[in-house]
PDB file of N, CA and C in Angstrom:
ATOM      1  N   MET A   1      -2.110 -13.689  -9.322  1.00  0.00           N
ATOM      2  CA  MET A   1      -3.012 -12.691  -8.403  1.00  0.00           C
ATOM      3  C   MET A   1      -2.594 -13.589  -6.780  1.00  0.00           C
ATOM      4  N   ALA A   2      -2.748 -12.628  -5.771  1.00  0.00           N
ATOM      5  CA  ALA A   2      -2.674 -13.315  -4.645  1.00  0.00           C
ATOM      6  C   ALA A   2      -3.969 -13.651  -4.210  1.00  0.00           C
ATOM      7  N   ALA A   3      -4.003 -14.945  -3.329  1.00  0.00           N
ATOM      8  CA  ALA A   3      -5.392 -15.653  -2.754  1.00  0.00           C
ATOM      9  C   ALA A   3      -5.843 -14.858  -2.094  1.00  0.00           C
ATOM     10  N   ASN A   4      -5.442 -13.529  -1.135  1.00  0.00           N
ATOM     11  CA  ASN A   4      -6.468 -12.976  -0.505  1.00  0.00           C
ATOM     12  C   ASN A   4      -6.741 -11.786  -0.771  1.00  0.00           C
ATOM     13  N   THR A   5      -7.796 -11.120  -0.575  1.00  0.00           N
ATOM     14  CA  THR A   5      -8.440  -9.753  -0.969  1.00  0.00           C
ATOM     15  C   THR A   5      -9.176  -8.877  -0.025  1.00  0.00           C
ATOM     16  N   TRP A   6      -8.717  -7.752  -0.367  1.00  0.00           N
ATOM     17  CA  TRP A   6      -9.177  -6.659   0.652  1.00  0.00           C
ATOM     18  C   TRP A   6     -10.713  -6.861   1.190  1.00  0.00           C
ATOM     19  N   PRO A   7     -10.912  -7.117   2.311  1.00  0.00           N
ATOM     20  CA  PRO A   7     -12.257  -7.239   2.905  1.00  0.00           C
ATOM     21  C   PRO A   7     -13.424  -6.129   1.942  1.00  0.00           C
ATOM     22  N   SER A   8     -14.502  -6.784   1.824  1.00  0.00           N
ATOM     23  CA  SER A   8     -15.466  -5.799   1.619  1.00  0.00           C
ATOM     24  C   SER A   8     -16.164  -5.045   2.379  1.00  0.00           C
ATOM     25  N   THR A   9     -16.003  -5.761   3.716  1.00  0.00           N
ATOM     26  CA  THR A   9     -16.992  -4.937   4.657  1.00  0.00           C
ATOM     27  C   THR A   9     -16.190  -3.290   5.664  1.00  0.00           C
ATOM     28  N   ILE A  10     -14.921  -3.430   4.736  1.00  0.00           N
ATOM     29  CA  ILE A  10     -14.345  -2.110   5.027  1.00  0.00           C
ATOM     30  C   ILE A  10     -14.173  -1.076   3.735  1.00  0.00           C
ATOM     31  N   PRO A  11     -14.054   0.334   4.253  1.00  0.00           N
ATOM     32  CA  PRO A  11     -14.139   1.304   2.964  1.00  0.00           C
ATOM     33  C   PRO A  11     -12.885   0.594   1.908  1.00  0.00           C
ATOM     34  N   GLN A  12     -13.374   0.621   0.861  1.00  0.00           N
ATOM     35  CA  GLN A  12     -12.770  -0.010  -0.742  1.00  0.00           C
ATOM     36  C   GLN A  12     -11.791   1.427  -1.029  1.00  0.00           C
ATOM     37  N   ARG A  13     -11.974   2.471  -0.584  1.00  0.00           N
ATOM     38  CA  ARG A  13     -11.212   3.536  -1.268  1.00  0.00           C
ATOM     39  C   ARG A  13     -10.919   4.755  -0.159  1.00  0.00           C
ATOM     40  N   PRO A  14      -9.453   5.346  -0.386  1.00  0.00           N
ATOM     41  CA  PRO A  14      -9.130   5.993   0.713  1.00  0.00           C
ATOM     42  C   PRO A  14      -9.800   7.261   0.665  1.00  0.00           C
ATOM     43  N   SER A  15      -9.386   7.844   2.221  1.00  0.00           N
ATOM     44  CA  SER A  15     -10.193   8.956   2.227  1.00  0.00           C
ATOM     45  C   SER A  15      -9.802  10.006   1.335  1.00  0.00           C
ATOM     46  N   PRO A  16     -10.578  11.059   1.022  1.00  0.00           N
ATOM     47  CA  PRO A  16     -10.046  12.015   0.380  1.00  0.00           C
ATOM     48  C   PRO A  16      -8.982  12.907   0.663  1.00  0.00           C
ATOM     49  N   ASN A  17      -7.974  12.913  -0.145  1.00  0.00           N
ATOM     50  CA  ASN A  17      -6.866  13.602   0.385  1.00  0.00           C
ATOM     51  C   ASN A  17      -5.941  12.446   1.129  1.00  0.00           C
ATOM     52  N   GLY A  18      -6.475  11.160   1.120  1.00  0.00           N
ATOM     53  CA  GLY A  18      -5.410  10.501   1.900  1.00  0.00           C
ATOM     54  C   GLY A  18      -4.977   9.454   1.329  1.00  0.00           C
ATOM     55  N   TYR A  19      -4.539  10.019   0.168  1.00  0.00           N
ATOM     56  CA  TYR A  19      -3.924   8.898  -1.204  1.00  0.00           C
ATOM     57  C   TYR A  19      -2.908   9.479  -1.546  1.00  0.00           C
ATOM     58  N   SER A  20      -1.276   8.881  -1.923  1.00  0.00           N
ATOM     59  CA  SER A  20      -0.513   9.147  -2.676  1.00  0.00           C
ATOM     60  C   SER A  20      -0.008   7.888  -3.206  1.00  0.00           C
ATOM     61  N   GLU A  21       0.796   8.117  -4.424  1.00  0.00           N
ATOM     62  CA  GLU A  21       1.573   6.826  -5.195  1.00  0.00           C
ATOM     63  C   GLU A  21       2.457   7.778  -6.361  1.00  0.00           C
ATOM     64  N   SER A  22       3.543   6.975  -6.187  1.00  0.00           N
ATOM     65  CA  SER A  22       4.823   6.992  -6.944  1.00  0.00           C
ATOM     66  C   SER A  22       4.992   6.328  -7.865  1.00  0.00           C
ATOM     67  N   PRO A  23       6.136   6.394  -8.711  1.00  0.00           N
ATOM     68  CA  PRO A  23       6.626   5.395  -9.687  1.00  0.00           C
ATOM     69  C   PRO A  23       7.755   4.760  -8.605  1.00  0.00           C
ATOM     70  N   GLY A  24       7.717   3.695  -8.840  1.00  0.00           N
ATOM     71  CA  GLY A  24       8.970   2.653  -8.123  1.00  0.00           C
ATOM     72  C   GLY A  24      10.170   3.082  -8.431  1.00  0.00           C
ATOM     73  N   LYS A  25      11.470   3.104  -7.761  1.00  0.00           N
ATOM     74  CA  LYS A  25      12.870   3.223  -7.812  1.00  0.00           C
ATOM     75  C   LYS A  25      13.173   2.167  -9.072  1.00  0.00           C
ATOM     76  N   ASN A  26      13.525   2.698 -10.057  1.00  0.00           N
ATOM     77  CA  ASN A  26      13.944   1.478 -10.875  1.00  0.00           C
ATOM     78  C   ASN A  26      15.241   1.533 -12.050  1.00  0.00           C
ATOM     79  N   THR A  27      15.841   2.256 -11.352  1.00  0.00           N
ATOM     80  CA  THR A  27      17.388   2.662 -11.807  1.00  0.00           C
ATOM     81  C   THR A  27      18.130   2.405 -10.837  1.00  0.00           C
ATOM     82  N   ILE A  28      19.414   2.304 -11.227  1.00  0.00           N
ATOM     83  CA  ILE A  28      20.746   1.826 -10.657  1.00  0.00           C
ATOM     84  C   ILE A  28      21.863   2.788 -11.110  1.00  0.00           C
ATOM     85  N   ARG A  29      22.317   3.477 -10.236  1.00  0.00           N
ATOM     86  CA  ARG A  29      23.262   4.488 -10.722  1.00  0.00           C
ATOM     87  C   ARG A  29      24.565   4.177 -10.411  1.00  0.00           C
ATOM     88  N   SER A  30      25.961   4.250 -10.982  1.00  0.00           N
ATOM     89  CA  SER A  30      27.120   4.050 -10.989  1.00  0.00           C
ATOM     90  C   SER A  30      28.122   5.037 -10.959  1.00  0.00           C
ATOM     91  N   GLN A  31      28.727   5.534  -9.993  1.00  0.00           N
ATOM     92  CA  GLN A  31      29.708   6.799 -10.168  1.00  0.00           C
ATOM     93  C   GLN A  31      30.954   6.353 -11.068  1.00  0.00           C
ATOM     94  N   MET A  32      31.465   7.107 -12.106  1.00  0.00           N
ATOM     95  CA  MET A  32      32.748   6.799 -12.576  1.00  0.00           C
ATOM     96  C   MET A  32      33.885   7.247 -12.291  1.00  0.00           C
ATOM     97  N   ASP A  33      35.332   6.787 -12.240  1.00  0.00           N
ATOM     98  CA  ASP A  33      36.365   7.637 -11.955  1.00  0.00           C
ATOM     99  C   ASP A  33      36.234   8.966 -12.578  1.00  0.00           C
ATOM    100  N   THR A  34      36.206   9.284 -13.616  1.00  0.00           N
ATOM    101  CA  THR A  34      35.710  10.430 -14.338  1.00  0.00           C
ATOM    102  C   THR A  34      34.731  10.452 -15.301  1.00  0.00           C
ATOM    103  N   GLY A  35      34.094  11.394 -15.610  1.00  0.00           N
ATOM    104  CA  GLY A  35      33.179  11.792 -16.481  1.00  0.00           C
ATOM    105  C   GLY A  35      31.779  11.388 -15.918  1.00  0.00           C
ATOM    106  N   PRO A  36      30.631  11.534 -16.414  1.00  0.00           N
ATOM    107  CA  PRO A  36      29.296  11.206 -15.885  1.00  0.00           C
ATOM    108  C   PRO A  36      29.137  10.284 -15.549  1.00  0.00           C
ATOM    109  N   SER A  37      28.366   9.836 -14.300  1.00  0.00           N
ATOM    110  CA  SER A  37      27.912   8.467 -14.094  1.00  0.00           C
ATOM    111  C   SER A  37      27.169   8.102 -14.711  1.00  0.00           C
ATOM    112  N   LYS A  38      26.968   6.719 -14.930  1.00  0.00           N
ATOM    113  CA  LYS A  38      26.197   6.012 -15.505  1.00  0.00           C
ATOM    114  C   LYS A  38      24.790   5.436 -14.879  1.00  0.00           C
ATOM    115  N   GLN A  39      23.951   5.151 -15.594  1.00  0.00           N
ATOM    116  CA  GLN A  39      22.613   4.914 -14.950  1.00  0.00           C
ATOM    117  C   GLN A  39      22.095   3.908 -16.010  1.00  0.00           C
ATOM    118  N   ARG A  40      21.498   2.804 -15.521  1.00  0.00           N
ATOM    119  CA  ARG A  40      20.726   2.153 -16.391  1.00  0.00           C
ATOM    120  C   ARG A  40      19.143   1.663 -15.666  1.00  0.00           C
ATOM    121  N   ARG A  41      18.360   1.217 -16.344  1.00  0.00           N
ATOM    122  CA  ARG A  41      17.249   0.457 -15.885  1.00  0.00           C
ATOM    123  C   ARG A  41      17.419  -0.673 -14.978  1.00  0.00           C
ATOM    124  N   ARG A  42      17.125  -0.932 -13.763  1.00  0.00           N
ATOM    125  CA  ARG A  42      17.370  -2.219 -12.884  1.00  0.00           C
ATOM    126  C   ARG A  42      16.524  -3.251 -13.496  1.00  0.00           C
ATOM    127  N   SER A  43      15.191  -3.286 -13.795  1.00  0.00           N
ATOM    128  CA  SER A  43      14.620  -4.468 -13.915  1.00  0.00           C
ATOM    129  C   SER A  43      13.476  -3.988 -15.025  1.00  0.00           C
ATOM    130  N   THR A  44      12.344  -4.846 -15.624  1.00  0.00           N
ATOM    131  CA  THR A  44      11.224  -4.315 -16.421  1.00  0.00           C
ATOM    132  C   THR A  44      10.135  -4.131 -15.782  1.00  0.00           C
ATOM    133  N   ALA A  45      10.489  -3.814 -14.587  1.00  0.00           N
ATOM    134  CA  ALA A  45       9.122  -3.701 -13.673  1.00  0.00           C
ATOM    135  C   ALA A  45       9.396  -3.437 -12.165  1.00  0.00           C
ATOM    136  N   ALA A  46       8.863  -2.169 -11.591  1.00  0.00           N
ATOM    137  CA  ALA A  46       9.184  -2.062 -10.051  1.00  0.00           C
ATOM    138  C   ALA A  46       7.905  -1.921  -9.569  1.00  0.00           C
ATOM    139  N   ALA A  47       7.970  -2.346  -8.033  1.00  0.00           N
ATOM    140  CA  ALA A  47       6.813  -2.045  -7.342  1.00  0.00           C
ATOM    141  C   ALA A  47       6.523  -0.340  -6.956  1.00  0.00           C
ATOM    142  N   ARG A  48       5.209   0.155  -7.222  1.00  0.00           N
ATOM    143  CA  ARG A  48       4.836   1.485  -6.583  1.00  0.00           C
ATOM    144  C   ARG A  48       4.322   1.627  -5.365  1.00  0.00           C
ATOM    145  N   PRO A  49       5.271   2.596  -4.970  1.00  0.00           N
ATOM    146  CA  PRO A  49       4.874   2.684  -3.532  1.00  0.00           C
ATOM    147  C   PRO A  49       3.738   3.820  -3.505  1.00  0.00           C
ATOM    148  N   ILE A  50       2.839   3.373  -2.254  1.00  0.00           N
ATOM    149  CA  ILE A  50       1.353   4.277  -2.146  1.00  0.00           C
ATOM    150  C   ILE A  50       1.366   4.459  -0.623  1.00  0.00           C
ATOM    151  N   THR A  51       0.894   5.331  -0.156  1.00  0.00           N
ATOM    152  CA  THR A  51       0.458   5.644   1.045  1.00  0.00           C
ATOM    153  C   THR A  51      -1.245   6.309   1.192  1.00  0.00           C
ATOM    154  N   CYS A  52      -1.801   5.582   1.938  1.00  0.00           N
ATOM    155  CA  CYS A  52      -3.248   6.009   1.871  1.00  0.00           C
ATOM    156  C   CYS A  52      -3.621   6.030   3.599  1.00  0.00           C
ATOM    157  N   SER A  53      -4.675   6.355   3.408  1.00  0.00           N
ATOM    158  CA  SER A  53      -5.773   6.493   4.973  1.00  0.00           C
ATOM    159  C   SER A  53      -6.815   5.892   4.803  1.00  0.00           C
ATOM    160  N   PHE A  54      -7.535   5.561   5.657  1.00  0.00           N
ATOM    161  CA  PHE A  54      -9.159   5.380   5.784  1.00  0.00           C
ATOM    162  C   PHE A  54      -9.865   5.740   6.898  1.00  0.00           C
ATOM    163  N   GLU A  55     -10.929   6.254   6.494  1.00  0.00           N
ATOM    164  CA  GLU A  55     -11.681   6.535   7.618  1.00  0.00           C
ATOM    165  C   GLU A  55     -12.520   5.250   8.075  1.00  0.00           C
ATOM    166  N   MET A  56     -12.671   4.829   9.503  1.00  0.00           N
ATOM    167  CA  MET A  56     -13.090   3.621   9.755  1.00  0.00           C
ATOM    168  C   MET A  56     -13.859   3.902  11.065  1.00  0.00           C
ATOM    169  N   THR A  57     -14.859   3.107  11.257  1.00  0.00           N
ATOM    170  CA  THR A  57     -15.440   2.906  12.613  1.00  0.00           C
ATOM    171  C   THR A  57     -14.751   1.945  13.452  1.00  0.00           C
ATOM    172  N   ALA A  58     -14.915   1.473  15.061  1.00  0.00           N
ATOM    173  CA  ALA A  58     -14.190   0.509  15.492  1.00  0.00           C
ATOM    174  C   ALA A  58     -14.543  -0.698  15.261  1.00  0.00           C
ATOM    175  N   ALA A  59     -15.610  -0.952  14.590  1.00  0.00           N
ATOM    176  CA  ALA A  59     -16.031  -2.206  14.164  1.00  0.00           C
ATOM    177  C   ALA A  59     -15.417  -2.726  12.817  1.00  0.00           C
ATOM    178  N   GLU A  60     -15.085  -1.522  11.712  1.00  0.00           N
ATOM    179  CA  GLU A  60     -14.311  -1.747  10.790  1.00  0.00           C
ATOM    180  C   GLU A  60     -13.002  -2.090  11.030  1.00  0.00           C
ATOM    181  N   VAL A  61     -12.325  -1.192  12.028  1.00  0.00           N
ATOM    182  CA  VAL A  61     -11.095  -1.196  12.485  1.00  0.00           C
ATOM    183  C   VAL A  61     -10.510  -2.814  12.872  1.00  0.00           C
ATOM    184  N   ALA A  62     -11.745  -2.919  13.733  1.00  0.00           N
ATOM    185  CA  ALA A  62     -11.416  -4.897  14.167  1.00  0.00           C
ATOM    186  C   ALA A  62     -11.323  -5.963  12.583  1.00  0.00           C
ATOM    187  N   THR A  63     -12.186  -5.318  11.662  1.00  0.00           N
ATOM    188  CA  THR A  63     -12.059  -6.281  10.390  1.00  0.00           C
ATOM    189  C   THR A  63     -10.858  -6.316  10.180  1.00  0.00           C
ATOM    190  N   PHE A  64     -10.370  -4.918   9.752  1.00  0.00           N
ATOM    191  CA  PHE A  64      -9.219  -4.642   8.960  1.00  0.00           C
ATOM    192  C   PHE A  64      -7.805  -5.345  10.020  1.00  0.00           C
ATOM    193  N   GLU A  65      -8.121  -5.164  11.069  1.00  0.00           N
ATOM    194  CA  GLU A  65      -6.820  -5.766  12.024  1.00  0.00           C
ATOM    195  C   GLU A  65      -6.582  -7.293  11.655  1.00  0.00           C
ATOM    196  N   ASP A  66      -7.888  -7.848  11.672  1.00  0.00           N
ATOM    197  CA  ASP A  66      -7.947  -9.186  11.685  1.00  0.00           C
ATOM    198  C   ASP A  66      -7.501  -9.716  10.482  1.00  0.00           C
ATOM    199  N   PHE A  67      -8.009  -8.619   9.397  1.00  0.00           N
ATOM    200  CA  PHE A  67      -7.281  -9.315   7.983  1.00  0.00           C
ATOM    201  C   PHE A  67      -5.694  -8.831   7.858  1.00  0.00           C
ATOM    202  N   PHE A  68      -5.201  -7.604   8.342  1.00  0.00           N
ATOM    203  CA  PHE A  68      -3.777  -7.619   8.580  1.00  0.00           C
ATOM    204  C   PHE A  68      -2.969  -8.746   9.236  1.00  0.00           C
ATOM    205  N   LEU A  69      -3.488  -8.845  10.591  1.00  0.00           N
ATOM    206  CA  LEU A  69      -2.736  -9.550  11.604  1.00  0.00           C
ATOM    207  C   LEU A  69      -3.040 -11.225  10.937  1.00  0.00           C
ATOM    208  N   ASN A  70      -4.003 -11.457  10.806  1.00  0.00           N
ATOM    209  CA  ASN A  70      -4.174 -13.186  10.733  1.00  0.00           C
ATOM    210  C   ASN A  70      -4.302 -13.260   9.533  1.00  0.00           C
ATOM    211  N   THR A  71      -5.239 -12.951   8.539  1.00  0.00           N
ATOM    212  CA  THR A  71      -5.317 -13.256   7.000  1.00  0.00           C
ATOM    213  C   THR A  71      -3.941 -12.918   6.388  1.00  0.00           C
ATOM    214  N   LEU A  72      -3.345 -11.881   6.596  1.00  0.00           N
ATOM    215  CA  LEU A  72      -2.302 -11.418   5.894  1.00  0.00           C
ATOM    216  C   LEU A  72      -0.838 -11.757   6.678  1.00  0.00           C
ATOM    217  N   ASN A  73      -1.042 -12.585   8.014  1.00  0.00           N
ATOM    218  CA  ASN A  73       0.155 -12.792   8.610  1.00  0.00           C
ATOM    219  C   ASN A  73       1.161 -11.814   8.777  1.00  0.00           C
ATOM    220  N   ASP A  74       0.612 -10.747   9.646  1.00  0.00           N
ATOM    221  CA  ASP A  74       1.361  -9.527  10.177  1.00  0.00           C
ATOM    222  C   ASP A  74       1.556  -8.847   8.903  1.00  0.00           C
ATOM    223  N   GLY A  75       0.613  -8.915   8.146  1.00  0.00           N
ATOM    224  CA  GLY A  75       1.089  -7.925   6.581  1.00  0.00           C
ATOM    225  C   GLY A  75       1.904  -8.449   5.925  1.00  0.00           C
ATOM    226  N   SER A  76       2.429  -9.825   5.756  1.00  0.00           N
ATOM    227  CA  SER A  76       3.509 -10.189   5.308  1.00  0.00           C
ATOM    228  C   SER A  76       3.194 -11.013   3.559  1.00  0.00           C
ATOM    229  N   LEU A  77       1.785 -11.062   3.780  1.00  0.00           N
ATOM    230  CA  LEU A  77       1.478 -11.670   2.261  1.00  0.00           C
ATOM    231  C   LEU A  77       0.675 -10.545   1.351  1.00  0.00           C
ATOM    232  N   ALA A  78       0.624 -10.990   0.525  1.00  0.00           N
ATOM    233  CA  ALA A  78      -0.130  -9.826  -0.720  1.00  0.00           C
ATOM    234  C   ALA A  78      -1.385 -10.154  -0.764  1.00  0.00           C
ATOM    235  N   PHE A  79      -2.105  -9.192  -1.444  1.00  0.00           N
ATOM    236  CA  PHE A  79      -3.725  -9.257  -1.472  1.00  0.00           C
ATOM    237  C   PHE A  79      -4.003  -8.398  -2.742  1.00  0.00           C
ATOM    238  N   ASN A  80      -5.348  -8.831  -3.227  1.00  0.00           N
ATOM    239  CA  ASN A  80      -6.173  -8.013  -4.308  1.00  0.00           C
ATOM    240  C   ASN A  80      -6.859  -6.934  -3.932  1.00  0.00           C
ATOM    241  N   TRP A  81      -6.711  -6.008  -4.676  1.00  0.00           N
ATOM    242  CA  TRP A  81      -7.592  -4.610  -4.136  1.00  0.00           C
ATOM    243  C   TRP A  81      -7.647  -3.902  -5.867  1.00  0.00           C
ATOM    244  N   LYS A  82      -8.427  -2.911  -5.708  1.00  0.00           N
ATOM    245  CA  LYS A  82      -8.568  -1.973  -6.850  1.00  0.00           C
ATOM    246  C   LYS A  82      -7.828  -0.732  -6.342  1.00  0.00           C
ATOM    247  N   ASN A  83      -6.776  -0.467  -7.713  1.00  0.00           N
ATOM    248  CA  ASN A  83      -6.002   0.626  -7.255  1.00  0.00           C
ATOM    249  C   ASN A  83      -6.822   2.057  -7.144  1.00  0.00           C
ATOM    250  N   PRO A  84      -6.999   2.578  -6.323  1.00  0.00           N
ATOM    251  CA  PRO A  84      -7.828   3.814  -6.315  1.00  0.00           C
ATOM    252  C   PRO A  84      -7.787   5.050  -7.114  1.00  0.00           C
ATOM    253  N   ARG A  85      -6.733   4.849  -7.992  1.00  0.00           N
ATOM    254  CA  ARG A  85      -6.584   6.110  -8.969  1.00  0.00           C
ATOM    255  C   ARG A  85      -7.019   5.651 -10.129  1.00  0.00           C
ATOM    256  N   THR A  86      -6.718   4.046 -10.311  1.00  0.00           N
ATOM    257  CA  THR A  86      -6.805   3.531 -11.985  1.00  0.00           C
ATOM    258  C   THR A  86      -8.230   2.711 -11.925  1.00  0.00           C
ATOM    259  N   ASN A  87      -8.477   2.308 -11.261  1.00  0.00           N
ATOM    260  CA  ASN A  87      -9.680   1.457 -10.703  1.00  0.00           C
ATOM    261  C   ASN A  87      -9.514   0.182 -11.204  1.00  0.00           C
ATOM    262  N   SER A  88      -8.238  -0.393 -11.294  1.00  0.00           N
ATOM    263  CA  SER A  88      -7.719  -1.672 -11.973  1.00  0.00           C
ATOM    264  C   SER A  88      -7.500  -2.325 -10.704  1.00  0.00           C
ATOM    265  N   ASP A  89      -7.884  -3.868 -11.136  1.00  0.00           N
ATOM    266  CA  ASP A  89      -7.497  -4.831 -10.010  1.00  0.00           C
ATOM    267  C   ASP A  89      -5.968  -4.832 -10.160  1.00  0.00           C
ATOM    268  N   ALA A  90      -5.217  -5.233  -8.993  1.00  0.00           N
ATOM    269  CA  ALA A  90      -3.774  -5.214  -8.609  1.00  0.00           C
ATOM    270  C   ALA A  90      -3.487  -6.047  -7.607  1.00  0.00           C
ATOM    271  N   GLU A  91      -2.484  -6.135  -7.337  1.00  0.00           N
ATOM    272  CA  GLU A  91      -1.797  -6.861  -6.564  1.00  0.00           C
ATOM    273  C   GLU A  91      -1.019  -5.967  -5.363  1.00  0.00           C
ATOM    274  N   PHE A  92      -1.201  -6.162  -4.160  1.00  0.00           N
ATOM    275  CA  PHE A  92      -0.709  -5.110  -3.242  1.00  0.00           C
ATOM    276  C   PHE A  92      -0.178  -6.007  -2.063  1.00  0.00           C
ATOM    277  N   ARG A  93       1.097  -5.409  -1.083  1.00  0.00           N
ATOM    278  CA  ARG A  93       1.426  -5.618   0.070  1.00  0.00           C
ATOM    279  C   ARG A  93       1.919  -4.322   0.741  1.00  0.00           C
ATOM    280  N   PHE A  94       1.619  -4.778   2.008  1.00  0.00           N
ATOM    281  CA  PHE A  94       1.778  -3.610   3.407  1.00  0.00           C
ATOM    282  C   PHE A  94       3.397  -3.698   3.366  1.00  0.00           C
ATOM    283  N   THR A  95       3.958  -2.394   3.254  1.00  0.00           N
ATOM    284  CA  THR A  95       5.801  -2.432   3.385  1.00  0.00           C
ATOM    285  C   THR A  95       6.118  -1.892   4.721  1.00  0.00           C
ATOM    286  N   GLN A  96       5.163  -1.914   5.877  1.00  0.00           N
ATOM    287  CA  GLN A  96       5.210  -1.333   7.091  1.00  0.00           C
ATOM    288  C   GLN A  96       4.131  -1.712   7.914  1.00  0.00           C
ATOM    289  N   GLU A  97       3.949  -1.350   9.333  1.00  0.00           N
ATOM    290  CA  GLU A  97       2.731  -1.685   9.932  1.00  0.00           C
ATOM    291  C   GLU A  97       1.862  -0.555   9.870  1.00  0.00           C
ATOM    292  N   TYR A  98       0.523  -0.644   9.904  1.00  0.00           N
ATOM    293  CA  TYR A  98      -0.178   0.674   9.971  1.00  0.00           C
ATOM    294  C   TYR A  98      -0.410   1.422  11.268  1.00  0.00           C
ATOM    295  N   SER A  99      -0.781   2.480  11.032  1.00  0.00           N
ATOM    296  CA  SER A  99      -1.087   3.183  12.482  1.00  0.00           C
ATOM    297  C   SER A  99      -2.575   3.884  12.584  1.00  0.00           C
ATOM    298  N   LEU A 100      -2.957   4.096  13.748  1.00  0.00           N
ATOM    299  CA  LEU A 100      -4.590   4.433  13.935  1.00  0.00           C
ATOM    300  C   LEU A 100      -4.344   5.667  14.826  1.00  0.00           C
ATOM    301  N   SER A 101      -5.589   6.756  14.320  1.00  0.00           N
ATOM    302  CA  SER A 101      -5.701   7.755  15.123  1.00  0.00           C
ATOM    303  C   SER A 101      -6.934   7.819  15.733  1.00  0.00           C
ATOM    304  N   ASN A 102      -7.521   8.164  16.676  1.00  0.00           N
ATOM    305  CA  ASN A 102      -8.726   8.525  16.877  1.00  0.00           C
ATOM    306  C   ASN A 102      -9.457  10.001  16.589  1.00  0.00           C
ATOM    307  N   GLN A 103     -10.365   9.804  15.596  1.00  0.00           N
ATOM    308  CA  GLN A 103     -11.003  11.276  15.093  1.00  0.00           C
ATOM    309  C   GLN A 103     -11.959  11.577  15.855  1.00  0.00           C
ATOM    310  N   GLY A 104     -12.072  11.111  16.992  1.00  0.00           N
ATOM    311  CA  GLY A 104     -13.512  11.620  17.904  1.00  0.00           C
ATOM    312  C   GLY A 104     -14.540  10.446  17.818  1.00  0.00           C
ATOM    313  N   GLY A 105     -14.851   9.969  19.031  1.00  0.00           N
ATOM    314  CA  GLY A 105     -15.621   8.859  19.269  1.00  0.00           C
ATOM    315  C   GLY A 105     -15.364   7.524  18.467  1.00  0.00           C
ATOM    316  N   ASP A 106     -16.327   7.269  17.729  1.00  0.00           N
ATOM    317  CA  ASP A 106     -16.488   6.019  17.306  1.00  0.00           C
ATOM    318  C   ASP A 106     -15.386   6.041  15.781  1.00  0.00           C
ATOM    319  N   ASN A 107     -14.818   7.217  15.257  1.00  0.00           N
ATOM    320  CA  ASN A 107     -14.141   7.547  14.266  1.00  0.00           C
ATOM    321  C   ASN A 107     -13.038   7.204  14.072  1.00  0.00           C
ATOM    322  N   TRP A 108     -12.079   6.598  13.520  1.00  0.00           N
ATOM    323  CA  TRP A 108     -10.515   6.323  13.533  1.00  0.00           C
ATOM    324  C   TRP A 108      -9.870   6.428  11.770  1.00  0.00           C
ATOM    325  N   LEU A 109      -8.707   6.738  12.192  1.00  0.00           N
ATOM    326  CA  LEU A 109      -8.010   7.034  10.962  1.00  0.00           C
ATOM    327  C   LEU A 109      -7.057   5.948  10.943  1.00  0.00           C
ATOM    328  N   VAL A 110      -6.889   5.261   9.757  1.00  0.00           N
ATOM    329  CA  VAL A 110      -5.893   4.167   9.563  1.00  0.00           C
ATOM    330  C   VAL A 110      -5.221   4.457   8.471  1.00  0.00           C
ATOM    331  N   ASN A 111      -3.794   4.694   9.014  1.00  0.00           N
ATOM    332  CA  ASN A 111      -2.725   4.967   7.871  1.00  0.00           C
ATOM    333  C   ASN A 111      -1.778   3.739   7.566  1.00  0.00           C
ATOM    334  N   CYS A 112      -1.893   3.733   6.178  1.00  0.00           N
ATOM    335  CA  CYS A 112      -1.228   2.423   5.553  1.00  0.00           C
ATOM    336  C   CYS A 112      -0.259   3.118   4.488  1.00  0.00           C
ATOM    337  N   SER A 113       0.851   1.926   4.494  1.00  0.00           N
ATOM    338  CA  SER A 113       2.191   2.379   3.834  1.00  0.00           C
ATOM    339  C   SER A 113       1.824   0.813   2.929  1.00  0.00           C
ATOM    340  N   LEU A 114       1.817   0.948   1.380  1.00  0.00           N
ATOM    341  CA  LEU A 114       1.811  -0.202   0.797  1.00  0.00           C
ATOM    342  C   LEU A 114       2.634  -0.071  -0.478  1.00  0.00           C
ATOM    343  N   GLU A 115       2.876  -1.294  -1.286  1.00  0.00           N
ATOM    344  CA  GLU A 115       3.217  -1.199  -2.554  1.00  0.00           C
ATOM    345  C   GLU A 115       2.297  -1.838  -3.485  1.00  0.00           C
ATOM    346  N   GLN A 116       2.533  -1.374  -4.859  1.00  0.00           N
ATOM    347  CA  GLN A 116       1.485  -2.127  -5.775  1.00  0.00           C
ATOM    348  C   GLN A 116       2.779  -2.913  -6.515  1.00  0.00           C
ATOM    349  N   LEU A 117       2.426  -4.255  -6.414  1.00  0.00           N
ATOM    350  CA  LEU A 117       3.286  -5.107  -7.100  1.00  0.00           C
ATOM    351  C   LEU A 117       3.241  -5.032  -8.871  1.00  0.00           C
ATOM    352  N   PRO A 118       4.282  -5.407  -9.347  1.00  0.00           N
ATOM    353  CA  PRO A 118       4.084  -5.478 -10.914  1.00  0.00           C
ATOM    354  C   PRO A 118       3.462  -6.547 -11.574  1.00  0.00           C
TER     355      PRO A 118
END
């Protein structure tokens, strides 16, 4: 497991309707000169892509940004968190930068793209 953990002072679960998860692409397909393509499993495990959004206050956004920028070195390091669907401990990492949108006043929506590591 990773050395870093999702901060306890920010929301632990994504917003309702703000979570999607899919199986990772773990097959490789080769086109043949004739006949059907060949397809095989690439490896025994694959990362699972996840998109999620969190409703946060400005203070929580500041904590999240410190976690992303400083603790995770601009999101490059993995971290431990509970998978929101299975509620099991797992290792995750960001696959791209997060985005923020103001929902009015002190309410912010933080959008993230992650992957659950095998």
